[in-house]
C-alpha cells in the first residue's frame, strides 16, 4: 500500500550526487594533500553549473560551493609550495656551485 503525500506538501529536490564527494575532496585538498585540490575545484565547477542550470532538480549547492572554494585554496597552496620548492632548489644549486668553485 503506497501512501500519497498530503496536499500542498513540498519535498526538496535531492542533493547532487557528487556534492558530498566534492566537499570531502575539498577538505582533504585543503588539510591533508593539496594535490587533490584541483580535482575538487573542477568537479565543483561542473556540479555547480548542473545545479544552476536546473535548480529544481538538485540541491546541495552550499556543499558544492564550499568544496569548490576549498579546492581553489588547496590549489593555490599547492602552487605556492611548488614555487617555494623551485626557489629553494635554485638557491641550493647556486650555493652548491659557488661552494664547489671557491673550495
PDB file of N, CA and C in Angstrom:
ATOM      1  N   UNK A   1       0.838  -1.167   0.000  1.00  0.00           N
ATOM      2  CA  UNK A   1       0.000   0.000   0.000  1.00  0.00           C
ATOM      3  C   UNK A   1       0.896   1.248   0.000  1.00  0.00           C
ATOM      4  N   UNK A   2       0.734   2.085  -0.985  1.00  0.00           N
ATOM      5  CA  UNK A   2       1.532   3.298  -1.087  1.00  0.00           C
ATOM      6  C   UNK A   2       0.766   4.467  -0.494  1.00  0.00           C
ATOM      7  N   UNK A   3       1.499   5.313   0.164  1.00  0.00           N
ATOM      8  CA  UNK A   3       0.878   6.494   0.742  1.00  0.00           C
ATOM      9  C   UNK A   3       1.082   7.663  -0.204  1.00  0.00           C
ATOM     10  N   UNK A   4       0.041   8.450  -0.349  1.00  0.00           N
ATOM     11  CA  UNK A   4       0.153   9.648  -1.168  1.00  0.00           C
ATOM     12  C   UNK A   4       0.511  10.811  -0.260  1.00  0.00           C
ATOM     13  N   UNK A   5       1.328  11.720  -0.758  1.00  0.00           N
ATOM     14  CA  UNK A   5       1.692  12.865   0.083  1.00  0.00           C
ATOM     15  C   UNK A   5       0.482  13.747   0.340  1.00  0.00           C
ATOM     16  N   UNK A   6       0.475  14.418   1.462  1.00  0.00           N
ATOM     17  CA  UNK A   6      -0.649  15.315   1.747  1.00  0.00           C
ATOM     18  C   UNK A   6      -0.673  16.457   0.740  1.00  0.00           C
ATOM     19  N   UNK A   7      -1.831  17.005   0.496  1.00  0.00           N
ATOM     20  CA  UNK A   7      -1.920  18.099  -0.470  1.00  0.00           C
ATOM     21  C   UNK A   7      -1.101  19.298  -0.009  1.00  0.00           C
ATOM     22  N   UNK A   8      -0.399  19.876  -0.948  1.00  0.00           N
ATOM     23  CA  UNK A   8       0.397  21.053  -0.655  1.00  0.00           C
ATOM     24  C   UNK A   8       1.742  20.732  -0.020  1.00  0.00           C
ATOM     25  N   UNK A   9       2.094  19.449   0.070  1.00  0.00           N
ATOM     26  CA  UNK A   9       3.377  19.076   0.685  1.00  0.00           C
ATOM     27  C   UNK A   9       4.508  19.431  -0.276  1.00  0.00           C
ATOM     28  N   UNK A  10       5.585  19.923   0.299  1.00  0.00           N
ATOM     29  CA  UNK A  10       6.761  20.283  -0.505  1.00  0.00           C
ATOM     30  C   UNK A  10       7.909  19.371  -0.121  1.00  0.00           C
ATOM     31  N   UNK A  11       8.501  18.762  -1.099  1.00  0.00           N
ATOM     32  CA  UNK A  11       9.674  17.936  -0.880  1.00  0.00           C
ATOM     33  C   UNK A  11      10.846  18.580  -1.611  1.00  0.00           C
ATOM     34  N   UNK A  12      11.926  18.867  -0.894  1.00  0.00           N
ATOM     35  CA  UNK A  12      13.068  19.499  -1.562  1.00  0.00           C
ATOM     36  C   UNK A  12      13.698  18.523  -2.557  1.00  0.00           C
ATOM     37  N   UNK A  13      14.328  19.073  -3.575  1.00  0.00           N
ATOM     38  CA  UNK A  13      14.966  18.191  -4.546  1.00  0.00           C
ATOM     39  C   UNK A  13      16.122  17.430  -3.904  1.00  0.00           C
ATOM     40  N   UNK A  14      16.484  16.291  -4.467  1.00  0.00           N
ATOM     41  CA  UNK A  14      17.590  15.520  -3.885  1.00  0.00           C
ATOM     42  C   UNK A  14      18.912  16.260  -4.038  1.00  0.00           C
ATOM     43  N   UNK A  15      19.832  15.923  -3.154  1.00  0.00           N
ATOM     44  CA  UNK A  15      21.151  16.529  -3.199  1.00  0.00           C
ATOM     45  C   UNK A  15      21.883  16.026  -4.446  1.00  0.00           C
ATOM     46  N   UNK A  16      22.708  16.884  -5.022  1.00  0.00           N
ATOM     47  CA  UNK A  16      23.502  16.495  -6.187  1.00  0.00           C
ATOM     48  C   UNK A  16      24.321  15.259  -5.829  1.00  0.00           C
ATOM     49  N   UNK A  17      24.412  14.278  -6.728  1.00  0.00           N
ATOM     50  CA  UNK A  17      25.099  13.030  -6.389  1.00  0.00           C
ATOM     51  C   UNK A  17      26.570  13.203  -5.989  1.00  0.00           C
ATOM     52  N   UNK A  18      27.217  14.262  -6.440  1.00  0.00           N
ATOM     53  CA  UNK A  18      28.633  14.449  -6.137  1.00  0.00           C
ATOM     54  C   UNK A  18      28.879  15.524  -5.083  1.00  0.00           C
ATOM     55  N   UNK A  19      27.849  16.056  -4.462  1.00  0.00           N
ATOM     56  CA  UNK A  19      28.019  17.158  -3.513  1.00  0.00           C
ATOM     57  C   UNK A  19      28.888  16.753  -2.323  1.00  0.00           C
ATOM     58  N   UNK A  20      28.613  15.620  -1.736  1.00  0.00           N
ATOM     59  CA  UNK A  20      29.398  15.173  -0.581  1.00  0.00           C
ATOM     60  C   UNK A  20      30.823  14.832  -0.991  1.00  0.00           C
ATOM     61  N   UNK A  21      30.988  14.205  -2.148  1.00  0.00           N
ATOM     62  CA  UNK A  21      32.324  13.862  -2.645  1.00  0.00           C
ATOM     63  C   UNK A  21      33.162  15.113  -2.842  1.00  0.00           C
ATOM     64  N   UNK A  22      32.576  16.140  -3.426  1.00  0.00           N
ATOM     65  CA  UNK A  22      33.298  17.389  -3.670  1.00  0.00           C
ATOM     66  C   UNK A  22      33.682  18.050  -2.352  1.00  0.00           C
ATOM     67  N   UNK A  23      32.778  18.017  -1.390  1.00  0.00           N
ATOM     68  CA  UNK A  23      33.074  18.602  -0.080  1.00  0.00           C
ATOM     69  C   UNK A  23      34.225  17.858   0.595  1.00  0.00           C
ATOM     70  N   UNK A  24      34.200  16.534   0.557  1.00  0.00           N
ATOM     71  CA  UNK A  24      35.265  15.736   1.168  1.00  0.00           C
ATOM     72  C   UNK A  24      36.595  15.976   0.451  1.00  0.00           C
ATOM     73  N   UNK A  25      36.576  16.011  -0.884  1.00  0.00           N
ATOM     74  CA  UNK A  25      37.807  16.279  -1.633  1.00  0.00           C
ATOM     75  C   UNK A  25      38.350  17.670  -1.320  1.00  0.00           C
ATOM     76  N   UNK A  26      37.459  18.636  -1.165  1.00  0.00           N
ATOM     77  CA  UNK A  26      37.893  19.986  -0.816  1.00  0.00           C
ATOM     78  C   UNK A  26      38.558  20.040   0.543  1.00  0.00           C
ATOM     79  N   UNK A  27      37.969  19.352   1.510  1.00  0.00           N
ATOM     80  CA  UNK A  27      38.558  19.324   2.849  1.00  0.00           C
ATOM     81  C   UNK A  27      39.910  18.629   2.817  1.00  0.00           C
ATOM     82  N   UNK A  28      39.976  17.478   2.168  1.00  0.00           N
ATOM     83  CA  UNK A  28      41.254  16.755   2.076  1.00  0.00           C
ATOM     84  C   UNK A  28      42.301  17.546   1.305  1.00  0.00           C
ATOM     85  N   UNK A  29      41.876  18.235   0.261  1.00  0.00           N
ATOM     86  CA  UNK A  29      42.796  19.046  -0.519  1.00  0.00           C
ATOM     87  C   UNK A  29      43.316  20.245   0.243  1.00  0.00           C
ATOM     88  N   UNK A  30      42.567  20.706   1.192  1.00  0.00           N
ATOM     89  CA  UNK A  30      42.991  21.855   1.986  1.00  0.00           C
ATOM     90  C   UNK A  30      43.853  21.434   3.173  1.00  0.00           C
ATOM     91  N   UNK A  31      43.504  20.328   3.804  1.00  0.00           N
ATOM     92  CA  UNK A  31      44.142  19.941   5.052  1.00  0.00           C
ATOM     93  C   UNK A  31      45.256  18.912   4.860  1.00  0.00           C
ATOM     94  N   UNK A  32      45.034  17.923   4.028  1.00  0.00           N
ATOM     95  CA  UNK A  32      45.917  16.772   4.010  1.00  0.00           C
ATOM     96  C   UNK A  32      46.861  16.743   2.812  1.00  0.00           C
ATOM     97  N   UNK A  33      46.312  16.798   1.629  1.00  0.00           N
ATOM     98  CA  UNK A  33      47.115  16.608   0.423  1.00  0.00           C
ATOM     99  C   UNK A  33      46.629  17.575  -0.657  1.00  0.00           C
ATOM    100  N   UNK A  34      47.374  18.631  -0.899  1.00  0.00           N
ATOM    101  CA  UNK A  34      46.926  19.696  -1.795  1.00  0.00           C
ATOM    102  C   UNK A  34      46.791  19.246  -3.247  1.00  0.00           C
ATOM    103  N   UNK A  35      47.351  18.117  -3.622  1.00  0.00           N
ATOM    104  CA  UNK A  35      47.235  17.639  -5.000  1.00  0.00           C
ATOM    105  C   UNK A  35      45.784  17.289  -5.336  1.00  0.00           C
ATOM    106  N   UNK A  36      44.952  17.093  -4.325  1.00  0.00           N
ATOM    107  CA  UNK A  36      43.533  16.780  -4.529  1.00  0.00           C
ATOM    108  C   UNK A  36      42.727  18.056  -4.828  1.00  0.00           C
ATOM    109  N   UNK A  37      43.263  19.212  -4.472  1.00  0.00           N
ATOM    110  CA  UNK A  37      42.556  20.477  -4.634  1.00  0.00           C
ATOM    111  C   UNK A  37      42.032  20.745  -6.033  1.00  0.00           C
ATOM    112  N   UNK A  38      42.862  20.572  -7.085  1.00  0.00           N
ATOM    113  CA  UNK A  38      42.348  20.839  -8.434  1.00  0.00           C
ATOM    114  C   UNK A  38      41.176  19.942  -8.831  1.00  0.00           C
ATOM    115  N   UNK A  39      41.152  18.709  -8.314  1.00  0.00           N
ATOM    116  CA  UNK A  39      40.026  17.816  -8.629  1.00  0.00           C
ATOM    117  C   UNK A  39      38.738  18.326  -7.990  1.00  0.00           C
ATOM    118  N   UNK A  40      38.821  18.769  -6.743  1.00  0.00           N
ATOM    119  CA  UNK A  40      37.642  19.333  -6.069  1.00  0.00           C
ATOM    120  C   UNK A  40      37.172  20.584  -6.788  1.00  0.00           C
ATOM    121  N   UNK A  41      38.121  21.402  -7.238  1.00  0.00           N
ATOM    122  CA  UNK A  41      37.801  22.641  -7.938  1.00  0.00           C
ATOM    123  C   UNK A  41      37.061  22.351  -9.242  1.00  0.00           C
ATOM    124  N   UNK A  42      37.604  21.456 -10.060  1.00  0.00           N
ATOM    125  CA  UNK A  42      36.988  21.188 -11.363  1.00  0.00           C
ATOM    126  C   UNK A  42      35.658  20.454 -11.221  1.00  0.00           C
ATOM    127  N   UNK A  43      35.591  19.474 -10.310  1.00  0.00           N
ATOM    128  CA  UNK A  43      34.325  18.781 -10.093  1.00  0.00           C
ATOM    129  C   UNK A  43      33.272  19.738  -9.528  1.00  0.00           C
ATOM    130  N   UNK A  44      33.702  20.649  -8.656  1.00  0.00           N
ATOM    131  CA  UNK A  44      32.783  21.627  -8.088  1.00  0.00           C
ATOM    132  C   UNK A  44      32.230  22.572  -9.132  1.00  0.00           C
ATOM    133  N   UNK A  45      33.089  23.003 -10.070  1.00  0.00           N
ATOM    134  CA  UNK A  45      32.611  23.870 -11.151  1.00  0.00           C
ATOM    135  C   UNK A  45      31.550  23.167 -11.985  1.00  0.00           C
ATOM    136  N   UNK A  46      31.810  21.901 -12.312  1.00  0.00           N
ATOM    137  CA  UNK A  46      30.861  21.143 -13.140  1.00  0.00           C
ATOM    138  C   UNK A  46      29.534  20.946 -12.415  1.00  0.00           C
ATOM    139  N   UNK A  47      29.592  20.538 -11.153  1.00  0.00           N
ATOM    140  CA  UNK A  47      28.367  20.301 -10.390  1.00  0.00           C
ATOM    141  C   UNK A  47      27.596  21.598 -10.163  1.00  0.00           C
ATOM    142  N   UNK A  48      28.319  22.698  -9.921  1.00  0.00           N
ATOM    143  CA  UNK A  48      27.644  23.975  -9.708  1.00  0.00           C
ATOM    144  C   UNK A  48      26.893  24.402 -10.972  1.00  0.00           C
ATOM    145  N   UNK A  49      27.487  24.181 -12.135  1.00  0.00           N
ATOM    146  CA  UNK A  49      26.798  24.503 -13.385  1.00  0.00           C
ATOM    147  C   UNK A  49      25.549  23.646 -13.559  1.00  0.00           C
ATOM    148  N   UNK A  50      25.647  22.359 -13.198  1.00  0.00           N
ATOM    149  CA  UNK A  50      24.489  21.474 -13.312  1.00  0.00           C
ATOM    150  C   UNK A  50      23.362  21.915 -12.376  1.00  0.00           C
ATOM    151  N   UNK A  51      23.713  22.310 -11.168  1.00  0.00           N
ATOM    152  CA  UNK A  51      22.691  22.746 -10.204  1.00  0.00           C
ATOM    153  C   UNK A  51      22.050  24.047 -10.656  1.00  0.00           C
ATOM    154  N   UNK A  52      22.858  24.993 -11.132  1.00  0.00           N
ATOM    155  CA  UNK A  52      22.319  26.283 -11.560  1.00  0.00           C
ATOM    156  C   UNK A  52      21.527  26.173 -12.857  1.00  0.00           C
ATOM    157  N   UNK A  53      21.847  25.194 -13.693  1.00  0.00           N
ATOM    158  CA  UNK A  53      21.104  25.022 -14.948  1.00  0.00           C
ATOM    159  C   UNK A  53      19.684  24.544 -14.678  1.00  0.00           C
ATOM    160  N   UNK A  54      19.504  23.744 -13.638  1.00  0.00           N
ATOM    161  CA  UNK A  54      18.183  23.226 -13.314  1.00  0.00           C
ATOM    162  C   UNK A  54      18.035  23.186 -11.795  1.00  0.00           C
ATOM    163  N   UNK A  55      17.715  24.316 -11.168  1.00  0.00           N
ATOM    164  CA  UNK A  55      17.686  24.372  -9.701  1.00  0.00           C
ATOM    165  C   UNK A  55      16.632  23.476  -9.060  1.00  0.00           C
ATOM    166  N   UNK A  56      15.621  23.103  -9.773  1.00  0.00           N
ATOM    167  CA  UNK A  56      14.596  22.237  -9.211  1.00  0.00           C
ATOM    168  C   UNK A  56      14.993  20.777  -9.174  1.00  0.00           C
ATOM    169  N   UNK A  57      16.043  20.408  -9.902  1.00  0.00           N
ATOM    170  CA  UNK A  57      16.446  19.006  -9.976  1.00  0.00           C
ATOM    171  C   UNK A  57      17.380  18.604  -8.841  1.00  0.00           C
ATOM    172  N   UNK A  58      18.246  19.514  -8.422  1.00  0.00           N
ATOM    173  CA  UNK A  58      19.240  19.183  -7.401  1.00  0.00           C
ATOM    174  C   UNK A  58      19.320  20.272  -6.340  1.00  0.00           C
ATOM    175  N   UNK A  59      19.661  19.853  -5.135  1.00  0.00           N
ATOM    176  CA  UNK A  59      20.022  20.787  -4.078  1.00  0.00           C
ATOM    177  C   UNK A  59      21.478  20.499  -3.715  1.00  0.00           C
ATOM    178  N   UNK A  60      21.972  21.069  -2.648  1.00  0.00           N
ATOM    179  CA  UNK A  60      23.343  20.826  -2.219  1.00  0.00           C
ATOM    180  C   UNK A  60      24.338  21.810  -2.791  1.00  0.00           C
ATOM    181  N   UNK A  61      23.850  22.964  -3.246  1.00  0.00           N
ATOM    182  CA  UNK A  61      24.751  23.951  -3.836  1.00  0.00           C
ATOM    183  C   UNK A  61      25.735  24.489  -2.802  1.00  0.00           C
ATOM    184  N   UNK A  62      25.325  24.572  -1.542  1.00  0.00           N
ATOM    185  CA  UNK A  62      26.219  25.051  -0.491  1.00  0.00           C
ATOM    186  C   UNK A  62      27.412  24.127  -0.294  1.00  0.00           C
ATOM    187  N   UNK A  63      27.153  22.825  -0.262  1.00  0.00           N
ATOM    188  CA  UNK A  63      28.235  21.855  -0.117  1.00  0.00           C
ATOM    189  C   UNK A  63      29.172  21.896  -1.317  1.00  0.00           C
ATOM    190  N   UNK A  64      28.598  21.975  -2.502  1.00  0.00           N
ATOM    191  CA  UNK A  64      29.413  22.026  -3.713  1.00  0.00           C
ATOM    192  C   UNK A  64      30.271  23.285  -3.722  1.00  0.00           C
ATOM    193  N   UNK A  65      29.672  24.408  -3.369  1.00  0.00           N
ATOM    194  CA  UNK A  65      30.410  25.669  -3.366  1.00  0.00           C
ATOM    195  C   UNK A  65      31.520  25.663  -2.319  1.00  0.00           C
ATOM    196  N   UNK A  66      31.250  25.116  -1.134  1.00  0.00           N
ATOM    197  CA  UNK A  66      32.275  25.041  -0.089  1.00  0.00           C
ATOM    198  C   UNK A  66      33.432  24.152  -0.537  1.00  0.00           C
ATOM    199  N   UNK A  67      33.123  23.006  -1.115  1.00  0.00           N
ATOM    200  CA  UNK A  67      34.173  22.116  -1.610  1.00  0.00           C
ATOM    201  C   UNK A  67      34.971  22.740  -2.728  1.00  0.00           C
ATOM    202  N   UNK A  68      34.289  23.473  -3.604  1.00  0.00           N
ATOM    203  CA  UNK A  68      34.963  24.149  -4.718  1.00  0.00           C
ATOM    204  C   UNK A  68      35.908  25.232  -4.201  1.00  0.00           C
ATOM    205  N   UNK A  69      35.465  26.009  -3.242  1.00  0.00           N
ATOM    206  CA  UNK A  69      36.312  27.074  -2.685  1.00  0.00           C
ATOM    207  C   UNK A  69      37.522  26.475  -1.962  1.00  0.00           C
ATOM    208  N   UNK A  70      37.299  25.405  -1.199  1.00  0.00           N
ATOM    209  CA  UNK A  70      38.444  24.761  -0.548  1.00  0.00           C
ATOM    210  C   UNK A  70      39.398  24.165  -1.582  1.00  0.00           C
ATOM    211  N   UNK A  71      38.866  23.694  -2.702  1.00  0.00           N
ATOM    212  CA  UNK A  71      39.716  23.204  -3.786  1.00  0.00           C
ATOM    213  C   UNK A  71      40.549  24.315  -4.397  1.00  0.00           C
ATOM    214  N   UNK A  72      39.959  25.491  -4.538  1.00  0.00           N
ATOM    215  CA  UNK A  72      40.701  26.649  -5.059  1.00  0.00           C
ATOM    216  C   UNK A  72      41.825  27.026  -4.104  1.00  0.00           C
ATOM    217  N   UNK A  73      41.524  27.066  -2.806  1.00  0.00           N
ATOM    218  CA  UNK A  73      42.538  27.419  -1.812  1.00  0.00           C
ATOM    219  C   UNK A  73      43.637  26.355  -1.772  1.00  0.00           C
ATOM    220  N   UNK A  74      43.254  25.077  -1.820  1.00  0.00           N
ATOM    221  CA  UNK A  74      44.236  23.998  -1.838  1.00  0.00           C
ATOM    222  C   UNK A  74      45.130  24.058  -3.065  1.00  0.00           C
ATOM    223  N   UNK A  75      44.550  24.417  -4.212  1.00  0.00           N
ATOM    224  CA  UNK A  75      45.338  24.555  -5.435  1.00  0.00           C
ATOM    225  C   UNK A  75      46.309  25.724  -5.326  1.00  0.00           C
ATOM    226  N   UNK A  76      45.866  26.818  -4.725  1.00  0.00           N
ATOM    227  CA  UNK A  76      46.764  27.968  -4.521  1.00  0.00           C
ATOM    228  C   UNK A  76      47.919  27.604  -3.593  1.00  0.00           C
ATOM    229  N   UNK A  77      47.624  26.864  -2.529  1.00  0.00           N
ATOM    230  CA  UNK A  77      48.682  26.418  -1.616  1.00  0.00           C
ATOM    231  C   UNK A  77      49.647  25.492  -2.344  1.00  0.00           C
ATOM    232  N   UNK A  78      49.120  24.609  -3.176  1.00  0.00           N
ATOM    233  CA  UNK A  78      49.971  23.712  -3.969  1.00  0.00           C
ATOM    234  C   UNK A  78      50.888  24.508  -4.883  1.00  0.00           C
ATOM    235  N   UNK A  79      50.344  25.507  -5.561  1.00  0.00           N
ATOM    236  CA  UNK A  79      51.151  26.341  -6.455  1.00  0.00           C
ATOM    237  C   UNK A  79      52.235  27.094  -5.710  1.00  0.00           C
ATOM    238  N   UNK A  80      51.879  27.672  -4.565  1.00  0.00           N
ATOM    239  CA  UNK A  80      52.880  28.382  -3.769  1.00  0.00           C
ATOM    240  C   UNK A  80      53.950  27.429  -3.242  1.00  0.00           C
ATOM    241  N   UNK A  81      53.555  26.233  -2.856  1.00  0.00           N
ATOM    242  CA  UNK A  81      54.527  25.247  -2.378  1.00  0.00           C
ATOM    243  C   UNK A  81      55.492  24.845  -3.479  1.00  0.00           C
ATOM    244  N   UNK A  82      54.968  24.660  -4.687  1.00  0.00           N
ATOM    245  CA  UNK A  82      55.835  24.304  -5.808  1.00  0.00           C
ATOM    246  C   UNK A  82      56.787  25.442  -6.164  1.00  0.00           C
ATOM    247  N   UNK A  83      56.300  26.681  -6.105  1.00  0.00           N
ATOM    248  CA  UNK A  83      57.188  27.825  -6.347  1.00  0.00           C
ATOM    249  C   UNK A  83      58.275  27.914  -5.280  1.00  0.00           C
ATOM    250  N   UNK A  84      57.910  27.694  -4.022  1.00  0.00           N
ATOM    251  CA  UNK A  84      58.886  27.713  -2.935  1.00  0.00           C
ATOM    252  C   UNK A  84      59.920  26.601  -3.120  1.00  0.00           C
ATOM    253  N   UNK A  85      59.457  25.415  -3.489  1.00  0.00           N
ATOM    254  CA  UNK A  85      60.369  24.294  -3.718  1.00  0.00           C
ATOM    255  C   UNK A  85      61.316  24.588  -4.871  1.00  0.00           C
ATOM    256  N   UNK A  86      60.806  25.160  -5.948  1.00  0.00           N
ATOM    257  CA  UNK A  86      61.657  25.511  -7.088  1.00  0.00           C
ATOM    258  C   UNK A  86      62.680  26.579  -6.695  1.00  0.00           C
ATOM    259  N   UNK A  87      62.254  27.564  -5.912  1.00  0.00           N
ATOM    260  CA  UNK A  87      63.183  28.612  -5.475  1.00  0.00           C
ATOM    261  C   UNK A  87      64.269  28.033  -4.576  1.00  0.00           C
ATOM    262  N   UNK A  88      63.897  27.137  -3.674  1.00  0.00           N
ATOM    263  CA  UNK A  88      64.892  26.519  -2.797  1.00  0.00           C
ATOM    264  C   UNK A  88      65.854  25.646  -3.596  1.00  0.00           C
ATOM    265  N   UNK A  89      65.363  24.997  -4.628  1.00  0.00           N
ATOM    266  CA  UNK A  89      66.217  24.177  -5.492  1.00  0.00           C
ATOM    267  C   UNK A  89      67.221  25.046  -6.237  1.00  0.00           C
ATOM    268  N   UNK A  90      66.762  26.168  -6.769  1.00  0.00           N
ATOM    269  CA  UNK A  90      67.659  27.087  -7.487  1.00  0.00           C
ATOM    270  C   UNK A  90      68.692  27.675  -6.529  1.00  0.00           C
ATOM    271  N   UNK A  91      68.263  28.076  -5.344  1.00  0.00           N
ATOM    272  CA  UNK A  91      69.193  28.637  -4.363  1.00  0.00           C
ATOM    273  C   UNK A  91      70.197  27.573  -3.920  1.00  0.00           C
ATOM    274  N   UNK A  92      69.706  26.357  -3.690  1.00  0.00           N
ATOM    275  CA  UNK A  92      70.598  25.270  -3.279  1.00  0.00           C
ATOM    276  C   UNK A  92      71.624  24.932  -4.328  1.00  0.00           C
ATOM    277  N   UNK A  93      71.211  24.901  -5.592  1.00  0.00           N
ATOM    278  CA  UNK A  93      72.156  24.623  -6.679  1.00  0.00           C
ATOM    279  C   UNK A  93      73.160  25.756  -6.784  1.00  0.00           C
ATOM    280  N   UNK A  94      72.707  26.990  -6.612  1.00  0.00           N
ATOM    281  CA  UNK A  94      73.623  28.139  -6.668  1.00  0.00           C
ATOM    282  C   UNK A  94      74.642  28.102  -5.545  1.00  0.00           C
ATOM    283  N   UNK A  95      74.196  27.781  -4.346  1.00  0.00           N
ATOM    284  CA  UNK A  95      75.114  27.716  -3.200  1.00  0.00           C
ATOM    285  C   UNK A  95      76.093  26.564  -3.398  1.00  0.00           C
ATOM    286  N   UNK A  96      75.625  25.434  -3.874  1.00  0.00           N
ATOM    287  CA  UNK A  96      76.495  24.288  -4.104  1.00  0.00           C
ATOM    288  C   UNK A  96      77.519  24.599  -5.183  1.00  0.00           C
ATOM    289  N   UNK A  97      77.098  25.246  -6.259  1.00  0.00           N
ATOM    290  CA  UNK A  97      78.024  25.583  -7.333  1.00  0.00           C
ATOM    291  C   UNK A  97      79.059  26.598  -6.852  1.00  0.00           C
ATOM    292  N   UNK A  98      78.641  27.570  -6.063  1.00  0.00           N
ATOM    293  CA  UNK A  98      79.582  28.564  -5.529  1.00  0.00           C
ATOM    294  C   UNK A  98      80.567  27.928  -4.560  1.00  0.00           C
ATOM    295  N   UNK A  99      80.071  27.037  -3.710  1.00  0.00           N
ATOM    296  CA  UNK A  99      80.935  26.381  -2.722  1.00  0.00           C
ATOM    297  C   UNK A  99      81.938  25.439  -3.386  1.00  0.00           C
ATOM    298  N   UNK A 100      81.555  24.812  -4.483  1.00  0.00           N
ATOM    299  CA  UNK A 100      82.472  23.878  -5.131  1.00  0.00           C
ATOM    300  C   UNK A 100      83.538  24.590  -5.953  1.00  0.00           C
ATOM    301  N   UNK A 101      83.272  25.818  -6.426  1.00  0.00           N
ATOM    302  CA  UNK A 101      84.262  26.549  -7.221  1.00  0.00           C
ATOM    303  C   UNK A 101      85.221  27.330  -6.345  1.00  0.00           C
ATOM    304  N   UNK A 102      84.808  27.717  -5.141  1.00  0.00           N
ATOM    305  CA  UNK A 102      85.692  28.504  -4.270  1.00  0.00           C
ATOM    306  C   UNK A 102      86.527  27.593  -3.347  1.00  0.00           C
ATOM    307  N   UNK A 103      86.170  26.356  -3.194  1.00  0.00           N
ATOM    308  CA  UNK A 103      86.816  25.460  -2.259  1.00  0.00           C
ATOM    309  C   UNK A 103      88.081  24.929  -2.782  1.00  0.00           C
TER     310      UNK A 103
END
